[in-house]
N, C-alpha and C. Protein backbone atom coordinates (compact mmCIF):
# COMPACT_ATOMS: atom_id res chain seq x y z
N GLY A 1 0.57 -1.12 -0.07
CA GLY A 1 -0.03 0.06 -0.02
C GLY A 1 0.65 1.35 0.06
N GLU A 2 0.51 2.00 1.22
CA GLU A 2 1.19 3.28 1.13
C GLU A 2 2.70 3.23 1.37
N PRO A 3 3.14 4.47 0.79
CA PRO A 3 4.75 4.63 1.01
C PRO A 3 5.12 4.74 2.39
N ARG A 4 6.16 4.15 2.75
CA ARG A 4 6.72 4.07 4.11
C ARG A 4 8.28 4.23 4.17
N CYS A 5 8.74 4.70 5.02
CA CYS A 5 10.32 4.82 5.28
C CYS A 5 10.76 3.81 6.21
N VAL A 6 10.98 2.49 5.68
CA VAL A 6 11.41 1.38 6.53
C VAL A 6 12.89 1.42 6.51
N ILE A 7 13.46 1.24 7.62
CA ILE A 7 15.01 1.17 7.78
C ILE A 7 15.48 -0.25 7.51
N SER A 8 16.35 -0.33 6.35
CA SER A 8 16.72 -1.61 6.02
C SER A 8 18.04 -1.86 6.52
N THR A 9 18.92 -0.78 6.83
CA THR A 9 20.21 -0.99 7.36
C THR A 9 20.58 0.07 8.23
N VAL A 10 21.32 -0.07 9.21
CA VAL A 10 21.85 0.84 10.33
C VAL A 10 23.45 0.89 10.26
N VAL A 11 23.95 1.82 9.80
CA VAL A 11 25.42 2.08 9.62
C VAL A 11 25.95 2.17 11.05
N SER A 12 27.08 1.20 11.27
CA SER A 12 27.78 1.28 12.56
C SER A 12 28.45 2.80 12.80
N GLY A 13 28.24 3.11 14.00
CA GLY A 13 28.85 4.37 14.33
C GLY A 13 28.01 5.76 13.87
N SER A 14 26.72 5.39 13.32
CA SER A 14 25.99 6.43 12.70
C SER A 14 25.12 7.12 14.03
N ALA A 15 24.57 8.19 13.46
CA ALA A 15 23.62 8.70 14.43
C ALA A 15 22.41 7.98 14.82
N ALA A 16 22.01 7.27 13.71
CA ALA A 16 20.82 6.35 13.75
C ALA A 16 21.13 5.35 14.93
N GLU A 17 22.26 4.78 14.73
CA GLU A 17 22.71 3.66 15.71
C GLU A 17 22.82 4.30 17.08
N ALA A 18 23.43 5.48 17.30
CA ALA A 18 23.48 6.10 18.70
C ALA A 18 22.07 6.25 19.22
N ALA A 19 21.12 6.53 18.34
CA ALA A 19 19.98 6.81 18.91
C ALA A 19 19.04 5.58 19.24
N GLY A 20 19.64 4.46 18.77
CA GLY A 20 18.88 3.16 18.94
C GLY A 20 17.92 2.78 17.92
N ILE A 21 18.10 3.31 16.86
CA ILE A 21 17.06 3.11 15.66
C ILE A 21 17.57 1.83 15.19
N GLN A 22 16.57 0.80 14.73
CA GLN A 22 16.99 -0.47 14.38
C GLN A 22 16.48 -0.92 12.98
N VAL A 23 16.88 -1.83 12.33
CA VAL A 23 16.44 -2.34 11.07
C VAL A 23 14.97 -2.88 11.31
N GLY A 24 14.14 -2.34 10.30
CA GLY A 24 12.74 -2.72 10.39
C GLY A 24 11.83 -1.57 11.04
N ASP A 25 12.57 -0.55 11.78
CA ASP A 25 11.65 0.52 12.26
C ASP A 25 11.13 1.45 11.21
N VAL A 26 10.10 2.00 11.29
CA VAL A 26 9.62 2.81 10.29
C VAL A 26 9.61 4.21 10.85
N ILE A 27 10.26 5.18 10.08
CA ILE A 27 10.47 6.52 10.49
C ILE A 27 9.02 7.10 10.06
N ILE A 28 8.39 7.89 11.02
CA ILE A 28 7.17 8.47 10.55
C ILE A 28 7.16 9.94 10.78
N GLU A 29 8.07 10.41 11.59
CA GLU A 29 8.38 11.83 11.84
C GLU A 29 9.71 12.21 11.95
N PHE A 30 10.22 13.26 11.35
CA PHE A 30 11.64 13.82 11.42
C PHE A 30 11.55 15.30 11.89
N ASP A 31 12.02 15.55 12.94
CA ASP A 31 12.00 17.09 13.39
C ASP A 31 10.53 17.68 13.25
N ARG A 32 9.60 16.90 13.77
CA ARG A 32 8.15 17.36 13.65
C ARG A 32 7.48 17.39 12.30
N GLN A 33 8.22 16.74 11.34
CA GLN A 33 7.62 16.83 10.01
C GLN A 33 7.27 15.50 9.57
N GLU A 34 6.04 15.13 8.95
CA GLU A 34 5.82 13.80 8.73
C GLU A 34 6.71 13.24 7.48
N VAL A 35 7.06 12.04 7.62
CA VAL A 35 7.89 11.39 6.68
C VAL A 35 7.08 10.29 6.03
N GLU A 36 6.98 10.53 4.59
CA GLU A 36 6.09 9.48 3.83
C GLU A 36 6.94 8.53 3.09
N ASP A 37 8.16 8.85 2.81
CA ASP A 37 9.04 7.79 2.11
C ASP A 37 10.57 8.23 2.22
N PHE A 38 11.51 7.46 1.68
CA PHE A 38 12.81 7.79 2.02
C PHE A 38 13.39 9.22 1.41
N PRO A 39 12.69 9.57 0.23
CA PRO A 39 13.07 10.95 -0.34
C PRO A 39 12.77 11.98 0.61
N SER A 40 11.50 11.89 1.12
CA SER A 40 11.07 12.95 2.13
C SER A 40 11.90 13.03 3.43
N LEU A 41 12.48 11.85 3.87
CA LEU A 41 13.46 11.76 4.93
C LEU A 41 14.73 12.65 4.53
N ALA A 42 15.17 12.22 3.28
CA ALA A 42 16.52 12.56 2.93
C ALA A 42 16.45 14.11 2.74
N THR A 43 15.43 14.73 2.38
CA THR A 43 15.09 16.07 2.20
C THR A 43 15.13 16.72 3.61
N ALA A 44 14.53 16.24 4.57
CA ALA A 44 14.51 16.87 5.93
C ALA A 44 15.95 16.71 6.55
N VAL A 45 16.50 15.63 6.35
CA VAL A 45 17.94 15.43 6.91
C VAL A 45 18.92 16.44 6.29
N SER A 46 18.77 16.63 5.04
CA SER A 46 19.77 17.60 4.30
C SER A 46 19.51 18.95 4.79
N ARG A 47 18.28 19.28 5.13
CA ARG A 47 18.04 20.76 5.92
C ARG A 47 18.48 20.89 7.28
N THR A 48 19.02 19.90 7.87
CA THR A 48 19.38 20.10 9.33
C THR A 48 20.75 20.16 9.47
N PRO A 49 21.20 21.28 10.09
CA PRO A 49 22.64 21.37 10.34
C PRO A 49 23.25 20.38 11.28
N PRO A 50 24.36 19.92 10.99
CA PRO A 50 25.16 18.73 11.87
C PRO A 50 25.22 19.43 13.30
N GLY A 51 24.93 18.43 14.21
CA GLY A 51 25.21 18.86 15.73
C GLY A 51 23.95 19.21 16.36
N ASN A 52 22.78 19.49 15.36
CA ASN A 52 21.53 19.84 16.07
C ASN A 52 20.66 18.53 16.39
N PRO A 53 20.38 18.55 17.65
CA PRO A 53 19.37 17.29 18.04
C PRO A 53 18.05 17.55 17.32
N VAL A 54 17.57 16.50 17.03
CA VAL A 54 16.15 16.49 16.33
C VAL A 54 15.25 15.29 16.91
N THR A 55 13.93 15.50 16.83
CA THR A 55 13.25 14.49 17.38
C THR A 55 12.64 13.70 16.21
N VAL A 56 12.86 12.30 16.33
CA VAL A 56 12.50 11.32 15.35
C VAL A 56 11.41 10.39 15.91
N VAL A 57 10.23 10.22 15.16
CA VAL A 57 9.22 9.37 15.72
C VAL A 57 9.36 8.11 14.94
N ILE A 58 9.41 6.85 15.44
CA ILE A 58 9.53 5.72 14.85
C ILE A 58 8.41 4.82 15.06
N GLU A 59 7.98 3.83 14.42
CA GLU A 59 7.10 2.89 14.64
C GLU A 59 7.83 1.55 14.59
N ARG A 60 7.70 0.89 15.86
CA ARG A 60 8.44 -0.50 16.08
C ARG A 60 7.33 -1.43 16.74
N ASP A 61 7.03 -2.51 16.09
CA ASP A 61 6.14 -3.43 16.70
C ASP A 61 4.73 -2.92 16.98
N GLY A 62 4.44 -1.93 16.04
CA GLY A 62 3.03 -1.43 16.26
C GLY A 62 2.96 -0.34 17.33
N ARG A 63 4.06 0.12 17.94
CA ARG A 63 4.19 1.13 18.89
C ARG A 63 4.98 2.32 18.35
N LYS A 64 4.53 3.68 18.71
CA LYS A 64 5.20 4.82 18.32
C LYS A 64 6.30 5.22 19.42
N ILE A 65 7.50 5.32 19.11
CA ILE A 65 8.60 5.69 19.90
C ILE A 65 9.30 6.89 19.37
N GLU A 66 9.56 7.81 20.53
CA GLU A 66 10.24 9.17 20.18
C GLU A 66 11.64 9.04 20.50
N LYS A 67 12.62 9.25 19.74
CA LYS A 67 13.97 9.20 19.66
C LYS A 67 14.48 10.71 19.52
N THR A 68 15.73 11.00 20.13
CA THR A 68 16.41 12.02 20.00
C THR A 68 17.72 11.80 19.25
N VAL A 69 17.89 12.41 17.95
CA VAL A 69 19.10 12.03 17.16
C VAL A 69 19.78 13.42 16.86
N THR A 70 21.04 13.37 17.11
CA THR A 70 21.97 14.26 16.75
C THR A 70 22.87 13.91 15.49
N LEU A 71 22.55 14.75 14.48
CA LEU A 71 23.29 14.39 13.19
C LEU A 71 24.65 14.78 13.42
N GLY A 72 25.36 14.06 12.56
CA GLY A 72 26.87 14.38 12.56
C GLY A 72 27.20 14.85 11.03
N ARG A 73 28.46 15.07 10.80
CA ARG A 73 28.88 15.28 9.47
C ARG A 73 29.16 14.14 8.68
N THR A 74 28.78 14.03 7.39
CA THR A 74 29.12 12.86 6.52
C THR A 74 30.63 13.09 6.28
N PRO A 75 31.36 11.94 6.51
CA PRO A 75 32.69 11.97 6.19
C PRO A 75 32.96 12.09 4.73
N PRO A 76 34.09 12.89 4.16
CA PRO A 76 34.20 12.89 2.74
C PRO A 76 34.52 11.60 2.01
N SER A 77 34.16 11.37 0.94
CA SER A 77 34.59 10.18 0.12
C SER A 77 36.02 10.05 -0.06
N PRO A 78 36.46 8.89 -0.15
CA PRO A 78 38.04 8.66 -0.33
C PRO A 78 38.46 8.98 -1.72
């Protein structure tokens, strides 16, 4: 059915891992904005300065869980 932003992988050492986000979680809000799919999440993340904590609401096992995530800088490509 509807588009969803389901986490398929969590990078070791990432802000998502530090916040306790897990594979299979569905991100439904990022910084008080509804997340419909991965592109809408990517847009919201790109607008958030590194170091700023944001609230992320996920759905896990039918429950809504609020997490605080502090974004870091993306390391440069080798």
